[in-house]
Amino acid sequence: LRDNRIELVRASWHELSISVSDVSLSDEGQYTCSLFTMPVKTSKAFLTVLGVPEKPQITGFTSPVMEGERMQLTCKTSGSKPAADIRWFKNDKEVKDVKYLKEEDANRKTFTVSSTLDFLADRNDDGAVVSCRVDHESLNSTPQIAMQVLEIHYTPLVKIISSNSWPEEGQSIILTCESKGKPVPEPVLWTKDGGELPDPERMVVNGRVLSISFLNKTDNGTYRCEAKNPIGRNSTEYVLIVHDVFNTLLPTTVIPSLTTATVTTNVALTTSTTTSATAISTRDPNALAGQTGPDHALIGGIVAVVVFVTLCSIILLGRYLARHKGTYLTNEAKGAEDAPDADTAIINAEGSQVNAEEKKEYFI
């Protein structure tokens, strides 16, 4: 061997060693060692030289890419022997559906390997890291990697967040319009029922935030938030319904009341009689104490008490009238109507008061 890269390391009757520096593919082949004894002894060995793949490169990416466009990224490496293996990853997650191509180099010893990743650009891929990894036995478990950060432009994504899930009259509400897009969306536009905000004094817009104070029924409607960027525009809606104020009655103590009914009957005789009947209705002082509830419960209780008192009064009045119903005699006699004066009427009266016709009178 006559090559300055080949050096004799050890020579003895039992061992002969050489070293080859700066190994190249041309060094690959069969080497023979001969020991000149009687007879001559020889030994052969085949040297295989691995071709180390070059650092891979990713081509086909143009920045930025619009959402929905098709992307084709190609990873290529040359000089590998045997042919290297290429694998694709997106954010450390391997992508399986790729195309693989292997070509023999001009020296007929090494290979050029390429792989193509084909996919549609999506907003979720914005900022994702796509990497191409080359594995080969010559790299001693340390693969070569090429990386590309994706930049995807897309229309805004809009969402409205409310600070109050059950808005009532007199309260306030804050509506926040969250918009995400690339490029960053311009300041959002707030509208109500397809027009401008009707009450700028109560409806204040600060950037992406709409604040409405002192809510009332006129604030009911559909509020729209619209965001746009150079790629396009998008909007979302929020339906506001202002509810009535929910009243909660505090505990109430009811003071017992005294109800008196008086019935007076006058009888027109020589003497007058006046009779009074008094009915007292007293409610249980603990009947309504401590009760709480909405307005209709309180109204129902009051109506029940009024009906009860009215019925008691009617019953007492009926009993009183039943007791004072009777027959009364008057000083009228037959023929008295023809007398010129009262004395003559008494003299000419037929019969006495004992046999006089009875007239019944009822006083209510």
Protein backbone atom coordinates (compact mmCIF):
# COMPACT_ATOMS: atom_id res chain seq x y z
CA LEU A 1 0.00 0.00 0.00
CA ARG A 2 1.48 3.25 -1.06
CA ASP A 3 -0.70 5.95 0.41
CA ASN A 4 0.35 8.60 2.88
CA ARG A 5 -2.95 8.13 4.70
CA ILE A 6 -2.08 4.51 5.48
CA GLU A 7 0.28 3.97 8.42
CA LEU A 8 1.81 0.78 9.84
CA VAL A 9 0.88 0.59 13.48
CA ARG A 10 2.33 -2.75 14.63
CA ALA A 11 4.43 -5.46 12.95
CA SER A 12 5.49 -8.76 14.51
CA TRP A 13 5.61 -12.45 13.69
CA HIS A 14 2.10 -12.75 15.05
CA GLU A 15 0.36 -9.44 14.20
CA LEU A 16 0.37 -6.76 11.52
CA SER A 17 -1.79 -3.63 12.04
CA ILE A 18 -2.35 -0.56 9.86
CA SER A 19 -4.45 2.62 10.24
CA VAL A 20 -6.16 4.67 7.52
CA SER A 21 -6.81 8.38 8.15
CA ASP A 22 -9.26 10.67 6.41
CA VAL A 23 -11.30 7.74 5.15
CA SER A 24 -13.20 8.28 1.92
CA LEU A 25 -15.54 6.17 -0.15
CA SER A 26 -12.63 5.21 -2.37
CA ASP A 27 -11.09 3.36 0.58
CA GLU A 28 -13.87 0.84 0.53
CA GLY A 29 -12.87 -2.62 -0.70
CA GLN A 30 -11.08 -5.83 0.17
CA TYR A 31 -7.74 -5.75 2.06
CA THR A 32 -5.34 -8.71 2.14
CA CYS A 33 -2.66 -9.45 4.72
CA SER A 34 0.12 -11.93 3.78
CA LEU A 35 2.60 -13.64 6.11
CA PHE A 36 5.65 -14.84 4.16
CA THR A 37 6.35 -18.14 5.77
CA MET A 38 6.73 -21.61 4.36
CA PRO A 39 4.06 -21.93 3.19
CA VAL A 40 2.78 -18.29 2.82
CA LYS A 41 -0.24 -17.46 4.95
CA THR A 42 -2.85 -14.86 3.91
CA SER A 43 -5.95 -13.30 5.44
CA LYS A 44 -8.56 -11.08 3.79
CA ALA A 45 -10.95 -8.39 5.16
CA PHE A 46 -13.55 -6.22 3.44
CA LEU A 47 -13.76 -2.57 4.46
CA THR A 48 -17.16 -0.90 4.17
CA VAL A 49 -17.22 2.89 4.21
CA LEU A 50 -20.45 4.63 5.24
CA GLY A 51 -21.52 7.79 3.48
CA VAL A 52 -22.52 10.42 6.03
CA PRO A 53 -25.65 12.31 4.93
CA GLU A 54 -25.42 16.05 4.54
CA LYS A 55 -27.44 18.35 6.78
CA PRO A 56 -31.03 18.40 5.52
CA GLN A 57 -32.74 21.47 4.13
CA ILE A 58 -36.47 22.34 4.00
CA THR A 59 -37.71 24.06 0.85
CA GLY A 60 -41.12 25.11 -0.47
CA PHE A 61 -42.15 27.43 2.37
CA THR A 62 -43.19 31.01 1.61
CA SER A 63 -44.15 33.32 4.44
CA PRO A 64 -46.87 34.13 5.20
CA VAL A 65 -49.35 31.48 4.11
CA MET A 66 -53.08 32.21 3.97
CA GLU A 67 -55.45 29.90 5.79
CA GLY A 68 -56.82 27.24 3.45
CA GLU A 69 -53.87 27.30 1.04
CA ARG A 70 -52.04 24.08 0.24
CA MET A 71 -48.48 23.78 1.51
CA GLN A 72 -45.77 21.46 0.15
CA LEU A 73 -42.59 21.27 2.20
CA THR A 74 -39.67 19.21 0.89
CA CYS A 75 -36.80 17.93 3.02
CA LYS A 76 -33.68 16.80 1.13
CA THR A 77 -30.33 15.30 2.07
CA SER A 78 -27.45 13.93 -0.09
CA GLY A 79 -24.30 11.77 0.27
CA SER A 80 -25.74 9.02 2.42
CA LYS A 81 -24.58 5.41 2.07
CA PRO A 82 -26.73 3.46 2.50
CA ALA A 83 -29.75 5.69 1.87
CA ALA A 84 -30.78 7.74 4.90
CA ASP A 85 -34.24 7.73 6.47
CA ILE A 86 -36.29 10.96 6.71
CA ARG A 87 -39.09 11.56 9.22
CA TRP A 88 -41.42 14.57 9.65
CA PHE A 89 -42.64 16.08 12.93
CA LYS A 90 -45.07 18.87 13.76
CA ASN A 91 -44.65 20.17 17.32
CA ASP A 92 -42.88 16.93 18.30
CA LYS A 93 -45.73 14.81 16.88
CA GLU A 94 -44.71 12.59 13.98
CA VAL A 95 -46.54 13.00 10.65
CA LYS A 96 -46.93 9.71 8.83
CA ASP A 97 -48.59 10.60 5.51
CA VAL A 98 -45.55 11.78 3.52
CA LYS A 99 -43.91 11.01 0.18
CA TYR A 100 -40.41 9.44 0.09
CA LEU A 101 -37.96 9.48 -2.87
CA LYS A 102 -34.49 7.90 -3.13
CA GLU A 103 -32.04 8.61 -5.99
CA GLU A 104 -28.53 7.28 -6.63
CA ASP A 105 -25.78 9.88 -6.91
CA ALA A 106 -23.44 10.21 -9.89
CA ASN A 107 -20.65 8.31 -8.12
CA ARG A 108 -22.98 5.31 -7.90
CA LYS A 109 -22.06 4.88 -4.28
CA THR A 110 -24.16 7.39 -2.33
CA PHE A 111 -27.81 8.42 -2.40
CA THR A 112 -29.87 11.58 -2.35
CA VAL A 113 -33.08 11.20 -0.33
CA SER A 114 -36.05 13.60 -0.30
CA SER A 115 -39.41 13.62 1.44
CA THR A 116 -42.46 15.86 0.82
CA LEU A 117 -45.04 16.95 3.41
CA ASP A 118 -48.34 18.05 1.82
CA PHE A 119 -51.17 19.66 3.88
CA LEU A 120 -53.70 22.52 4.00
CA ALA A 121 -52.77 25.55 6.08
CA ASP A 122 -54.92 25.95 9.17
CA ARG A 123 -55.07 28.66 11.83
CA ASN A 124 -54.13 26.08 14.44
CA ASP A 125 -50.82 25.60 12.61
CA ASP A 126 -49.79 29.22 13.11
CA GLY A 127 -46.57 29.23 15.12
CA ALA A 128 -46.19 25.45 14.81
CA VAL A 129 -42.66 24.07 14.40
CA VAL A 130 -42.26 21.63 11.50
CA SER A 131 -39.08 19.59 11.66
CA CYS A 132 -37.38 17.18 9.26
CA ARG A 133 -35.17 14.56 10.93
CA VAL A 134 -32.55 12.46 9.11
CA ASP A 135 -31.62 9.14 10.71
CA HIS A 136 -28.55 7.17 9.58
CA GLU A 137 -26.27 4.58 11.13
CA SER A 138 -23.25 6.82 10.60
CA LEU A 139 -24.68 9.49 12.89
CA ASN A 140 -24.28 7.42 16.06
CA SER A 141 -27.90 7.97 17.29
CA THR A 142 -27.56 11.72 16.85
CA PRO A 143 -29.91 12.61 13.98
CA GLN A 144 -29.60 15.70 11.85
CA ILE A 145 -32.61 18.03 12.07
CA ALA A 146 -33.91 20.95 10.02
CA MET A 147 -36.77 23.11 11.39
CA GLN A 148 -39.28 25.60 9.97
CA VAL A 149 -41.72 27.78 11.94
CA LEU A 150 -45.06 28.21 10.18
CA GLU A 151 -46.75 31.60 9.85
CA ILE A 152 -50.44 31.36 8.92
CA HIS A 153 -52.64 34.40 8.33
CA TYR A 154 -56.37 34.02 9.00
CA THR A 155 -59.57 36.00 9.52
CA PRO A 156 -60.53 37.04 13.08
CA LEU A 157 -62.27 34.63 15.44
CA VAL A 158 -64.78 36.59 17.58
CA LYS A 159 -66.44 35.71 20.89
CA ILE A 160 -68.53 37.81 23.36
CA ILE A 161 -68.19 37.22 27.12
CA SER A 162 -70.82 38.64 29.52
CA SER A 163 -70.09 39.66 33.10
CA ASN A 164 -73.70 39.03 34.22
CA SER A 165 -75.56 35.81 33.41
CA TRP A 166 -78.91 37.12 34.81
CA PRO A 167 -79.09 40.89 34.26
CA GLU A 168 -81.89 42.70 36.12
CA GLU A 169 -83.27 46.22 35.89
CA GLY A 170 -81.04 48.78 37.56
CA GLN A 171 -77.92 46.62 37.37
CA SER A 172 -74.87 46.99 35.10
CA ILE A 173 -73.39 44.61 32.54
CA ILE A 174 -70.01 44.41 30.79
CA LEU A 175 -69.70 42.71 27.39
CA THR A 176 -66.16 41.82 26.30
CA CYS A 177 -65.48 41.09 22.63
CA GLU A 178 -62.55 38.71 22.30
CA SER A 179 -61.07 38.67 18.79
CA LYS A 180 -58.13 36.60 17.62
CA GLY A 181 -56.64 36.83 14.15
CA LYS A 182 -53.45 37.30 12.23
CA PRO A 183 -52.61 40.05 11.54
CA VAL A 184 -54.07 41.38 14.80
CA PRO A 185 -57.64 42.66 14.20
CA GLU A 186 -58.41 46.34 14.24
CA PRO A 187 -60.57 47.85 17.06
CA VAL A 188 -63.95 46.12 17.13
CA LEU A 189 -67.27 47.72 16.14
CA TRP A 190 -70.31 47.45 18.47
CA THR A 191 -73.90 47.75 17.16
CA LYS A 192 -77.39 47.09 18.54
CA ASP A 193 -80.17 45.60 16.41
CA GLY A 194 -78.26 46.49 13.25
CA GLY A 195 -77.74 50.16 14.16
CA GLU A 196 -75.64 52.39 16.38
CA LEU A 197 -75.80 52.20 20.16
CA PRO A 198 -78.93 54.23 21.12
CA ASP A 199 -77.75 55.64 24.46
CA PRO A 200 -74.05 56.63 24.40
CA GLU A 201 -74.29 58.08 27.93
CA ARG A 202 -75.10 54.69 29.46
CA MET A 203 -73.49 52.52 26.78
CA VAL A 204 -69.74 53.20 26.87
CA VAL A 205 -67.28 51.48 24.51
CA ASN A 206 -63.67 51.19 25.66
CA GLY A 207 -61.62 49.23 23.14
CA ARG A 208 -63.18 45.78 23.00
CA VAL A 209 -65.37 46.32 26.09
CA LEU A 210 -68.99 47.55 26.08
CA SER A 211 -70.33 48.72 29.47
CA ILE A 212 -74.05 49.34 30.02
CA SER A 213 -75.19 50.92 33.30
CA PHE A 214 -78.68 51.19 34.86
CA LEU A 215 -80.24 48.48 32.74
CA ASN A 216 -83.90 48.77 31.74
CA LYS A 217 -86.30 47.04 29.36
CA THR A 218 -85.33 49.30 26.46
CA ASP A 219 -81.85 47.74 26.50
CA ASN A 220 -83.26 44.38 25.36
CA GLY A 221 -81.99 43.42 21.92
CA THR A 222 -79.20 41.86 19.86
CA TYR A 223 -75.71 43.29 20.29
CA ARG A 224 -73.16 42.57 17.56
CA CYS A 225 -69.38 42.72 17.79
CA GLU A 226 -67.47 42.87 14.49
CA ALA A 227 -63.70 42.55 14.01
CA LYS A 228 -61.67 42.72 10.81
CA ASN A 229 -58.09 42.52 9.54
CA PRO A 230 -56.50 42.59 6.05
CA ILE A 231 -57.54 38.95 5.50
CA GLY A 232 -61.24 39.44 6.20
CA ARG A 233 -63.88 40.18 8.83
CA ASN A 234 -66.02 38.21 11.25
CA SER A 235 -68.70 38.95 13.84
CA THR A 236 -70.77 37.38 16.60
CA GLU A 237 -73.96 38.33 18.44
CA TYR A 238 -75.22 38.46 22.03
CA VAL A 239 -78.93 38.63 22.89
CA LEU A 240 -79.53 40.75 26.01
CA ILE A 241 -82.70 40.15 28.05
CA VAL A 242 -83.18 42.42 31.08
CA HIS A 243 -85.24 40.68 33.77
CA ASP A 244 -87.54 42.17 36.40
CA VAL A 245 -86.11 42.77 39.84
CA PHE A 246 -86.76 39.77 42.08
CA ASN A 247 -88.36 41.02 45.34
CA THR A 248 -87.75 39.17 48.59
CA LEU A 249 -90.11 40.17 51.46
CA LEU A 250 -88.56 40.68 54.87
CA PRO A 251 -90.15 38.93 57.91
CA THR A 252 -93.28 40.87 58.99
CA THR A 253 -95.04 40.86 62.38
CA VAL A 254 -98.83 41.27 62.14
CA ILE A 255 -100.48 43.09 65.08
CA PRO A 256 -103.87 41.56 66.06
CA SER A 257 -106.81 43.78 65.12
CA LEU A 258 -110.18 44.19 66.81
CA THR A 259 -113.29 44.34 64.63
CA THR A 260 -116.60 45.57 66.09
CA ALA A 261 -120.01 45.41 64.40
CA THR A 262 -122.94 47.40 65.92
CA VAL A 263 -126.58 47.01 64.89
CA THR A 264 -129.21 49.55 66.21
CA THR A 265 -133.01 49.08 65.87
CA ASN A 266 -135.52 51.79 66.77
CA VAL A 267 -139.24 50.94 67.42
CA ALA A 268 -141.71 53.85 67.12
CA LEU A 269 -144.14 53.30 70.09
CA THR A 270 -144.82 55.31 73.15
CA THR A 271 -141.35 54.28 74.20
CA SER A 272 -138.19 53.70 72.09
CA THR A 273 -135.82 50.84 72.52
CA THR A 274 -132.19 50.80 71.35
CA THR A 275 -130.29 47.60 71.33
CA SER A 276 -126.64 47.16 70.38
CA ALA A 277 -125.04 43.95 69.44
CA THR A 278 -121.29 43.83 69.41
CA ALA A 279 -119.32 41.12 67.74
CA ILE A 280 -115.61 40.93 68.37
CA SER A 281 -113.33 39.04 66.04
CA THR A 282 -109.84 38.54 67.25
CA ARG A 283 -107.15 36.89 65.10
CA ASP A 284 -104.42 34.72 66.43
CA PRO A 285 -101.42 37.04 66.96
CA ASN A 286 -99.10 34.24 65.91
CA ALA A 287 -101.03 33.30 62.78
CA LEU A 288 -99.04 35.42 60.33
CA ALA A 289 -96.01 36.27 62.42
CA GLY A 290 -92.70 35.53 60.83
CA GLN A 291 -94.16 34.64 57.43
CA THR A 292 -92.28 35.74 54.37
CA GLY A 293 -93.07 35.31 50.73
CA PRO A 294 -93.84 37.12 47.51
CA ASP A 295 -96.59 39.78 47.18
CA HIS A 296 -99.34 37.40 46.10
CA ALA A 297 -99.00 35.38 49.33
CA LEU A 298 -99.47 38.50 51.45
CA ILE A 299 -102.43 39.67 49.36
CA GLY A 300 -104.05 36.25 49.65
CA GLY A 301 -103.75 36.34 53.42
CA ILE A 302 -105.34 39.81 53.64
CA VAL A 303 -108.24 38.77 51.41
CA ALA A 304 -108.82 35.68 53.55
CA VAL A 305 -108.96 37.79 56.72
CA VAL A 306 -111.42 40.27 55.15
CA VAL A 307 -113.71 37.46 53.96
CA PHE A 308 -113.59 35.83 57.38
CA VAL A 309 -114.51 39.07 59.18
CA THR A 310 -117.33 39.76 56.71
CA LEU A 311 -118.84 36.32 57.22
CA CYS A 312 -118.69 36.71 60.99
CA SER A 313 -120.46 40.08 60.77
CA ILE A 314 -123.22 38.67 58.57
CA ILE A 315 -123.78 35.73 60.97
CA LEU A 316 -124.01 38.03 64.01
CA LEU A 317 -126.40 40.40 62.22
CA GLY A 318 -128.63 37.51 61.21
CA ARG A 319 -128.79 36.21 64.75
CA TYR A 320 -129.65 39.65 66.09
CA LEU A 321 -132.50 40.18 63.61
CA ALA A 322 -133.85 36.77 64.40
CA ARG A 323 -134.05 37.63 68.09
CA HIS A 324 -135.84 41.04 67.62
CA LYS A 325 -138.43 39.97 65.11
CA GLY A 326 -142.07 40.15 66.68
CA THR A 327 -145.63 41.44 66.68
CA TYR A 328 -146.53 45.02 67.75
CA LEU A 329 -149.88 46.76 68.35
CA THR A 330 -150.63 50.27 67.13
CA ASN A 331 -153.27 52.75 68.20
CA GLU A 332 -155.09 52.66 64.92
CA ALA A 333 -158.72 51.50 64.76
CA LYS A 334 -161.23 50.95 62.11
CA GLY A 335 -163.25 54.04 61.20
CA ALA A 336 -160.71 56.43 62.56
CA GLU A 337 -159.97 57.72 59.12
CA ASP A 338 -163.47 59.30 58.88
CA ALA A 339 -163.17 61.25 62.15
CA PRO A 340 -162.59 65.04 61.97
CA ASP A 341 -160.07 64.93 64.81
CA ALA A 342 -158.18 62.55 67.05
CA ASP A 343 -160.65 62.66 70.00
CA THR A 344 -163.60 61.80 67.79
CA ALA A 345 -161.59 58.98 66.23
CA ILE A 346 -160.96 57.45 69.64
CA ILE A 347 -164.64 57.71 70.66
CA ASN A 348 -165.93 56.28 67.37
CA ALA A 349 -163.36 53.49 67.27
CA GLU A 350 -164.87 50.05 66.96
CA GLY A 351 -163.79 47.68 69.61
CA SER A 352 -160.95 48.07 71.96
CA GLN A 353 -157.26 47.70 71.52
CA VAL A 354 -157.54 44.17 72.69
CA ASN A 355 -159.74 43.21 69.75
CA ALA A 356 -158.05 45.50 67.25
CA GLU A 357 -156.56 44.15 64.06
CA GLU A 358 -152.92 43.37 64.49
CA LYS A 359 -150.36 44.80 62.11
CA LYS A 360 -146.95 43.31 61.89
CA GLU A 361 -143.94 45.53 61.35
CA TYR A 362 -140.36 44.32 60.75
CA PHE A 363 -137.39 46.57 61.27
CA ILE A 364 -134.06 45.84 59.65
